Amino acid sequence: MKLTLRLIIAGAGLVLFAWFVHRTGVNTISRAFTTLGWSAPLILLPYALVYLLDTVGWRLCFGRTLSKAISFGTLFRIRWAGESLNNVVPSAYLGGEAVKVYFLHKRGLPVVEGASSVVIGKTAQVLAEVIYIALGAVAGSSILPANSPARAGMFAISGAATALIAMLFWLQHRGMFSTLLALTGRLRLRIRALTSRAESLRQLDRRIFDFYRNDRRRFLSSVTFYLLGWIADSLEILLVSRLLGMPLDWSQAVAFEAFIGVAKALGVFAPAALGVQESGIIFLSYLFGFPPALAVPYAIIRRARDLTFALIGGALLYAEEPALRGFAQRVAREVEAPA
């Protein structure tokens, strides 16, 4: 049933995207790519900057001391490999995060330390995204007509995102994994994967709580770098629009990128958000008044960018773990191992 739903979502998105391609015209799209010419590789630079800034944000989520075996370059490669999995496999970002913990553990970092850095880092990234969505809502409201219902919709999405991050902090304050263990206990559900590592999970909760209590500056610095990463993502549409001769301004770019992130989140269970991302780009381009000659080529360019980074990440993943056939089983065994 889940697979069927994913296929329906992806199929509907691709049908809608195909309709916009037909409406725009193949010749118009071809001219856009011809205009890019040899400047096309430049489009990869903004996303590479995003990866760099996000790695700085993640680095701040570790303890004050980190093994010399785990350099910044190593973290950069590990993050890239994990994100390539997150962006392709519809696992709600869990698969890529487990890979990061596994690769850190291979270099001698205890599982609890690696897992806490991943949880804290993802929390900082989500908080930064919520701030960015709020900025996007403000920017979008300055673009849209005063009577547009989309203005209220954007602020409603910002409010829902704020409530979501508030709930996440509340759960982590209570102990996210301890709460889950207590809930399964009350419901008399015996989940062996949880009960067999209950103490490790409680230790993970304590480590996360201690980080928030003792390293608030590092957490806020992490959020700042993740926010800079979200803002850097706006450079891509700015660059593409200028290269294609249809330049956008910062307000348009921020509003557009902020809500593309929302569209991708809605497609988290579709493989690579296939169809969902493209439909989101087309819808938001129409909403903000971008020319169709920009919207459809950009949707294709963005998908090509995603594929390029996924292939590089896949190569890094293979370099770390050549025997991919038993990779998932090894990840599970290492994550289950006591710290």
Protein backbone atom coordinates (compact mmCIF):
# COMPACT_ATOMS: atom_id res chain seq x y z
CA MET A 1 0.00 0.00 0.00
CA LYS A 2 2.82 2.37 0.86
CA LEU A 3 4.57 1.61 -2.41
CA THR A 4 1.33 2.15 -4.32
CA LEU A 5 0.80 5.54 -2.67
CA ARG A 6 4.37 6.59 -3.46
CA LEU A 7 3.92 5.59 -7.10
CA ILE A 8 0.63 7.49 -7.30
CA ILE A 9 2.19 10.65 -5.81
CA ALA A 10 5.22 10.47 -8.10
CA GLY A 11 3.08 9.65 -11.14
CA ALA A 12 0.65 12.53 -10.51
CA GLY A 13 3.55 14.93 -10.09
CA LEU A 14 5.24 13.77 -13.28
CA VAL A 15 2.00 14.03 -15.26
CA LEU A 16 1.52 17.60 -14.05
CA PHE A 17 5.13 18.43 -14.88
CA ALA A 18 4.79 16.88 -18.36
CA TRP A 19 1.72 19.06 -18.96
CA PHE A 20 3.72 22.20 -18.13
CA VAL A 21 6.56 21.04 -20.41
CA HIS A 22 4.04 20.63 -23.22
CA ARG A 23 2.48 24.02 -22.45
CA THR A 24 5.85 25.80 -22.40
CA GLY A 25 7.10 24.12 -25.54
CA VAL A 26 10.12 21.95 -26.15
CA ASN A 27 11.73 24.63 -28.35
CA THR A 28 11.54 27.22 -25.54
CA ILE A 29 13.17 24.78 -23.11
CA SER A 30 15.85 23.84 -25.64
CA ARG A 31 16.71 27.52 -26.19
CA ALA A 32 17.10 27.99 -22.42
CA PHE A 33 19.65 25.17 -22.18
CA THR A 34 21.47 26.44 -25.26
CA THR A 35 21.74 29.84 -23.56
CA LEU A 36 23.48 28.24 -20.56
CA GLY A 37 26.19 26.71 -22.72
CA TRP A 38 29.56 26.29 -21.00
CA SER A 39 28.35 28.21 -17.95
CA ALA A 40 26.13 25.28 -16.89
CA PRO A 41 28.67 23.79 -14.38
CA LEU A 42 28.55 27.08 -12.43
CA ILE A 43 25.05 26.09 -11.32
CA LEU A 44 26.57 23.42 -9.06
CA LEU A 45 28.52 25.95 -6.97
CA PRO A 46 25.68 27.28 -4.75
CA TYR A 47 24.68 23.77 -3.65
CA ALA A 48 28.32 22.89 -2.93
CA LEU A 49 28.39 25.97 -0.68
CA VAL A 50 25.24 24.69 1.05
CA TYR A 51 26.98 21.36 1.78
CA LEU A 52 30.01 23.21 3.16
CA LEU A 53 27.97 25.44 5.48
CA ASP A 54 25.83 22.52 6.65
CA THR A 55 28.95 20.55 7.53
CA VAL A 56 30.16 23.47 9.68
CA GLY A 57 26.75 23.45 11.37
CA TRP A 58 26.99 19.71 12.02
CA ARG A 59 30.56 19.98 13.34
CA LEU A 60 29.32 22.35 16.05
CA CYS A 61 26.87 19.70 17.27
CA PHE A 62 29.64 17.42 18.54
CA GLY A 63 31.27 17.75 21.90
CA ARG A 64 34.04 20.27 22.34
CA THR A 65 36.61 17.57 21.65
CA LEU A 66 36.46 15.37 18.58
CA SER A 67 38.88 12.64 17.54
CA LYS A 68 41.62 13.82 15.17
CA ALA A 69 40.67 10.86 12.98
CA ILE A 70 37.46 12.74 12.18
CA SER A 71 38.66 15.88 10.41
CA PHE A 72 36.40 18.48 8.82
CA GLY A 73 37.08 16.92 5.42
CA THR A 74 36.01 13.53 6.77
CA LEU A 75 32.80 15.01 8.17
CA PHE A 76 32.15 16.68 4.82
CA ARG A 77 32.48 13.36 2.97
CA ILE A 78 30.39 11.47 5.54
CA ARG A 79 27.64 14.06 5.39
CA TRP A 80 27.65 14.05 1.59
CA ALA A 81 27.39 10.24 1.50
CA GLY A 82 24.54 10.26 4.02
CA GLU A 83 22.65 13.04 2.26
CA SER A 84 22.90 11.23 -1.07
CA LEU A 85 21.01 8.37 0.56
CA ASN A 86 18.49 10.75 2.17
CA ASN A 87 17.80 12.42 -1.16
CA VAL A 88 17.21 9.19 -3.07
CA VAL A 89 15.75 6.61 -0.67
CA PRO A 90 12.27 7.43 0.71
CA SER A 91 13.16 6.73 4.35
CA ALA A 92 12.09 10.06 5.93
CA TYR A 93 15.82 10.91 6.21
CA LEU A 94 16.43 8.04 8.67
CA GLY A 95 18.59 5.95 6.36
CA GLY A 96 21.16 8.65 5.67
CA GLU A 97 21.40 9.59 9.34
CA ALA A 98 22.08 5.96 10.32
CA VAL A 99 24.83 5.87 7.69
CA LYS A 100 26.47 8.95 9.24
CA VAL A 101 26.45 7.32 12.69
CA TYR A 102 27.89 4.12 11.26
CA PHE A 103 30.75 5.85 9.44
CA LEU A 104 31.59 7.92 12.53
CA HIS A 105 31.66 4.73 14.62
CA LYS A 106 34.05 3.14 12.10
CA ARG A 107 36.47 5.93 13.01
CA GLY A 108 36.25 5.23 16.72
CA LEU A 109 33.44 7.57 17.81
CA PRO A 110 31.02 5.90 20.25
CA VAL A 111 27.58 5.32 18.76
CA VAL A 112 25.86 7.50 21.38
CA GLU A 113 28.11 10.46 20.54
CA GLY A 114 27.60 10.04 16.81
CA ALA A 115 23.83 9.57 17.16
CA SER A 116 23.47 12.60 19.44
CA SER A 117 25.37 14.79 16.95
CA VAL A 118 23.05 13.61 14.18
CA VAL A 119 19.87 14.27 16.21
CA ILE A 120 21.08 17.69 17.40
CA GLY A 121 22.31 18.59 13.92
CA LYS A 122 19.01 17.65 12.30
CA THR A 123 17.16 19.66 14.98
CA ALA A 124 19.36 22.70 14.29
CA GLN A 125 18.78 22.30 10.55
CA VAL A 126 14.99 22.08 10.98
CA LEU A 127 14.96 25.12 13.28
CA ALA A 128 16.98 27.05 10.68
CA GLU A 129 14.51 25.95 8.00
CA VAL A 130 11.58 27.18 10.10
CA ILE A 131 13.27 30.59 10.39
CA TYR A 132 13.92 30.54 6.65
CA ILE A 133 10.29 29.66 5.90
CA ALA A 134 9.20 32.62 8.02
CA LEU A 135 11.58 34.85 6.04
CA GLY A 136 10.15 33.36 2.85
CA ALA A 137 6.61 34.13 3.99
CA VAL A 138 7.55 37.77 4.63
CA ALA A 139 9.31 38.00 1.26
CA GLY A 140 6.42 36.27 -0.50
CA SER A 141 3.82 38.59 1.02
CA SER A 142 5.71 41.56 -0.45
CA ILE A 143 5.45 39.98 -3.92
CA LEU A 144 1.85 38.76 -3.91
CA PRO A 145 -1.21 41.01 -4.26
CA ALA A 146 -2.72 42.25 -0.98
CA ASN A 147 -5.88 40.18 -1.52
CA SER A 148 -4.07 36.94 -2.40
CA PRO A 149 -5.14 34.03 -0.17
CA ALA A 150 -1.65 32.57 -0.66
CA ARG A 151 -0.27 35.19 1.73
CA ALA A 152 -2.34 33.80 4.60
CA GLY A 153 -1.41 30.28 3.50
CA MET A 154 2.32 31.00 3.69
CA PHE A 155 2.02 32.41 7.21
CA ALA A 156 -0.15 29.45 8.21
CA ILE A 157 2.60 27.10 6.99
CA SER A 158 5.14 29.14 8.98
CA GLY A 159 2.97 28.80 12.09
CA ALA A 160 2.60 25.04 11.60
CA ALA A 161 6.35 24.68 11.14
CA THR A 162 6.97 26.67 14.32
CA ALA A 163 4.58 24.43 16.24
CA LEU A 164 6.38 21.38 14.86
CA ILE A 165 9.83 22.52 15.99
CA ALA A 166 8.41 23.51 19.39
CA MET A 167 7.03 19.97 19.77
CA LEU A 168 10.40 18.54 18.78
CA PHE A 169 12.18 20.56 21.48
CA TRP A 170 9.54 19.56 24.03
CA LEU A 171 10.06 15.88 23.21
CA GLN A 172 13.82 16.20 23.45
CA HIS A 173 13.50 18.00 26.80
CA ARG A 174 11.38 15.11 28.10
CA GLY A 175 13.62 12.54 26.47
CA MET A 176 12.53 11.58 22.98
CA PHE A 177 13.53 7.94 23.19
CA SER A 178 12.59 7.55 26.86
CA THR A 179 9.11 8.84 26.00
CA LEU A 180 8.85 6.29 23.20
CA LEU A 181 9.92 3.51 25.55
CA ALA A 182 7.38 4.62 28.16
CA LEU A 183 4.62 4.79 25.55
CA THR A 184 5.29 1.30 24.22
CA GLY A 185 5.39 0.06 27.82
CA ARG A 186 1.98 1.52 28.63
CA LEU A 187 0.53 0.07 25.46
CA ARG A 188 2.18 -3.26 26.35
CA LEU A 189 3.95 -3.37 23.02
CA ARG A 190 7.13 -5.42 23.11
CA ILE A 191 9.38 -4.12 20.34
CA ARG A 192 12.62 -6.03 20.64
CA ALA A 193 14.60 -3.41 18.72
CA LEU A 194 13.73 -0.88 21.44
CA THR A 195 13.77 -2.98 24.60
CA SER A 196 17.14 -4.59 23.79
CA ARG A 197 18.87 -1.20 23.76
CA ALA A 198 16.72 0.72 26.21
CA GLU A 199 19.67 1.86 28.34
CA SER A 200 21.62 3.09 25.30
CA LEU A 201 18.58 5.07 24.16
CA ARG A 202 18.18 6.65 27.60
CA GLN A 203 21.88 7.50 27.57
CA LEU A 204 21.35 9.15 24.18
CA ASP A 205 18.51 11.25 25.63
CA ARG A 206 20.76 12.38 28.49
CA ARG A 207 23.56 13.33 26.13
CA ILE A 208 21.22 15.40 23.93
CA PHE A 209 19.78 17.17 26.96
CA ASP A 210 23.26 17.89 28.36
CA PHE A 211 24.33 19.41 25.06
CA TYR A 212 21.39 21.83 25.03
CA ARG A 213 22.05 22.75 28.65
CA ASN A 214 25.84 23.14 28.47
CA ASP A 215 26.52 24.11 24.85
CA ARG A 216 23.81 26.60 23.96
CA ARG A 217 26.24 28.88 22.14
CA ARG A 218 27.43 26.03 19.95
CA PHE A 219 23.84 25.08 19.17
CA LEU A 220 22.90 28.66 18.23
CA SER A 221 26.05 28.89 16.10
CA SER A 222 25.03 25.64 14.42
CA VAL A 223 21.57 27.03 13.68
CA THR A 224 23.21 30.15 12.21
CA PHE A 225 25.37 28.14 9.81
CA TYR A 226 22.43 25.96 8.77
CA LEU A 227 20.41 29.14 8.14
CA LEU A 228 23.26 30.50 6.01
CA GLY A 229 23.06 27.20 4.13
CA TRP A 230 19.36 27.70 3.43
CA ILE A 231 20.02 31.25 2.27
CA ALA A 232 22.90 30.05 0.05
CA ASP A 233 20.41 27.72 -1.62
CA SER A 234 18.66 30.85 -2.93
CA LEU A 235 21.79 31.69 -4.93
CA GLU A 236 21.00 28.86 -7.33
CA ILE A 237 17.74 30.27 -8.70
CA LEU A 238 19.30 33.75 -8.75
CA LEU A 239 22.24 32.44 -10.80
CA VAL A 240 20.09 30.38 -13.17
CA SER A 241 17.66 33.25 -13.76
CA ARG A 242 20.53 35.62 -14.61
CA LEU A 243 22.24 33.12 -16.90
CA LEU A 244 18.95 32.64 -18.74
CA GLY A 245 18.39 36.40 -19.05
CA MET A 246 15.34 36.49 -16.75
CA PRO A 247 16.86 37.78 -13.46
CA LEU A 248 14.95 37.55 -10.20
CA ASP A 249 15.52 39.63 -7.08
CA TRP A 250 16.38 38.42 -3.57
CA SER A 251 12.78 38.57 -2.31
CA GLN A 252 11.59 36.32 -5.12
CA ALA A 253 14.49 33.90 -4.64
CA VAL A 254 14.06 33.59 -0.85
CA ALA A 255 10.27 33.14 -1.06
CA PHE A 256 10.67 30.56 -3.83
CA GLU A 257 13.40 28.49 -2.16
CA ALA A 258 11.73 28.56 1.26
CA PHE A 259 8.56 26.95 -0.02
CA ILE A 260 10.33 24.56 -2.38
CA GLY A 261 11.71 23.14 0.86
CA VAL A 262 8.13 22.72 2.09
CA ALA A 263 7.15 20.97 -1.16
CA LYS A 264 10.08 18.56 -0.83
CA ALA A 265 9.11 17.82 2.78
CA LEU A 266 5.63 16.88 1.58
CA GLY A 267 7.24 14.47 -0.88
CA VAL A 268 9.52 12.86 1.70
CA PHE A 269 8.02 9.41 1.09
CA ALA A 270 8.30 9.62 -2.69
CA PRO A 271 11.60 8.35 -4.14
CA ALA A 272 13.85 11.44 -4.51
CA ALA A 273 10.65 13.56 -4.21
CA LEU A 274 10.25 12.68 -7.89
CA GLY A 275 7.41 14.65 -9.45
CA VAL A 276 6.64 16.42 -6.17
CA GLN A 277 9.66 18.73 -6.42
CA GLU A 278 8.99 19.48 -10.10
CA SER A 279 5.31 20.21 -9.46
CA GLY A 280 6.23 22.44 -6.52
CA ILE A 281 8.64 24.44 -8.69
CA ILE A 282 6.03 24.91 -11.39
CA PHE A 283 3.27 25.86 -8.92
CA LEU A 284 5.42 28.36 -7.01
CA SER A 285 6.75 29.86 -10.24
CA TYR A 286 3.17 30.41 -11.37
CA LEU A 287 2.20 31.78 -7.95
CA PHE A 288 5.05 34.32 -7.87
CA GLY A 289 4.72 35.27 -11.52
CA PHE A 290 7.94 33.77 -12.88
CA PRO A 291 8.02 33.28 -16.67
CA PRO A 292 7.31 29.69 -17.82
CA ALA A 293 10.49 29.88 -19.90
CA LEU A 294 12.38 29.98 -16.57
CA ALA A 295 10.24 27.63 -14.47
CA VAL A 296 10.38 24.45 -16.54
CA PRO A 297 14.10 24.61 -17.42
CA TYR A 298 14.92 25.33 -13.78
CA ALA A 299 12.92 22.27 -12.67
CA ILE A 300 14.98 20.14 -15.06
CA ILE A 301 18.26 21.83 -14.04
CA ARG A 302 17.50 21.28 -10.36
CA ARG A 303 16.79 17.61 -10.94
CA ALA A 304 20.07 17.30 -12.86
CA ARG A 305 21.86 18.98 -9.96
CA ASP A 306 20.28 16.54 -7.50
CA LEU A 307 21.37 13.62 -9.67
CA THR A 308 24.95 14.94 -9.90
CA PHE A 309 25.29 15.33 -6.13
CA ALA A 310 23.63 11.95 -5.52
CA LEU A 311 26.10 10.24 -7.87
CA ILE A 312 29.07 11.89 -6.15
CA GLY A 313 27.60 10.92 -2.77
CA GLY A 314 27.09 7.39 -4.02
CA ALA A 315 30.76 7.24 -5.03
CA LEU A 316 31.76 8.43 -1.55
CA LEU A 317 29.43 5.84 -0.05
CA TYR A 318 31.03 3.10 -2.13
CA ALA A 319 34.52 4.31 -1.21
CA GLU A 320 33.60 4.02 2.47
CA GLU A 321 31.81 0.68 2.16
CA PRO A 322 32.69 -1.29 -1.01
CA ALA A 323 30.69 -4.39 -0.04
CA LEU A 324 27.30 -2.75 -0.50
CA ARG A 325 25.37 -6.01 -0.57
CA GLY A 326 25.46 -6.44 3.21
CA PHE A 327 25.64 -2.73 3.98
CA ALA A 328 22.21 -2.33 5.59
CA GLN A 329 22.79 -5.28 7.91
CA ARG A 330 26.13 -3.88 9.08
CA VAL A 331 24.59 -0.45 9.73
CA ALA A 332 21.92 -2.06 11.90
CA ARG A 333 24.45 -4.11 13.87
CA GLU A 334 26.73 -1.15 14.55
CA VAL A 335 23.90 1.14 15.62
CA GLU A 336 22.61 -1.52 18.00
CA ALA A 337 26.03 -2.01 19.57
CA PRO A 338 26.52 -0.48 23.04
CA ALA A 339 28.57 2.75 23.31
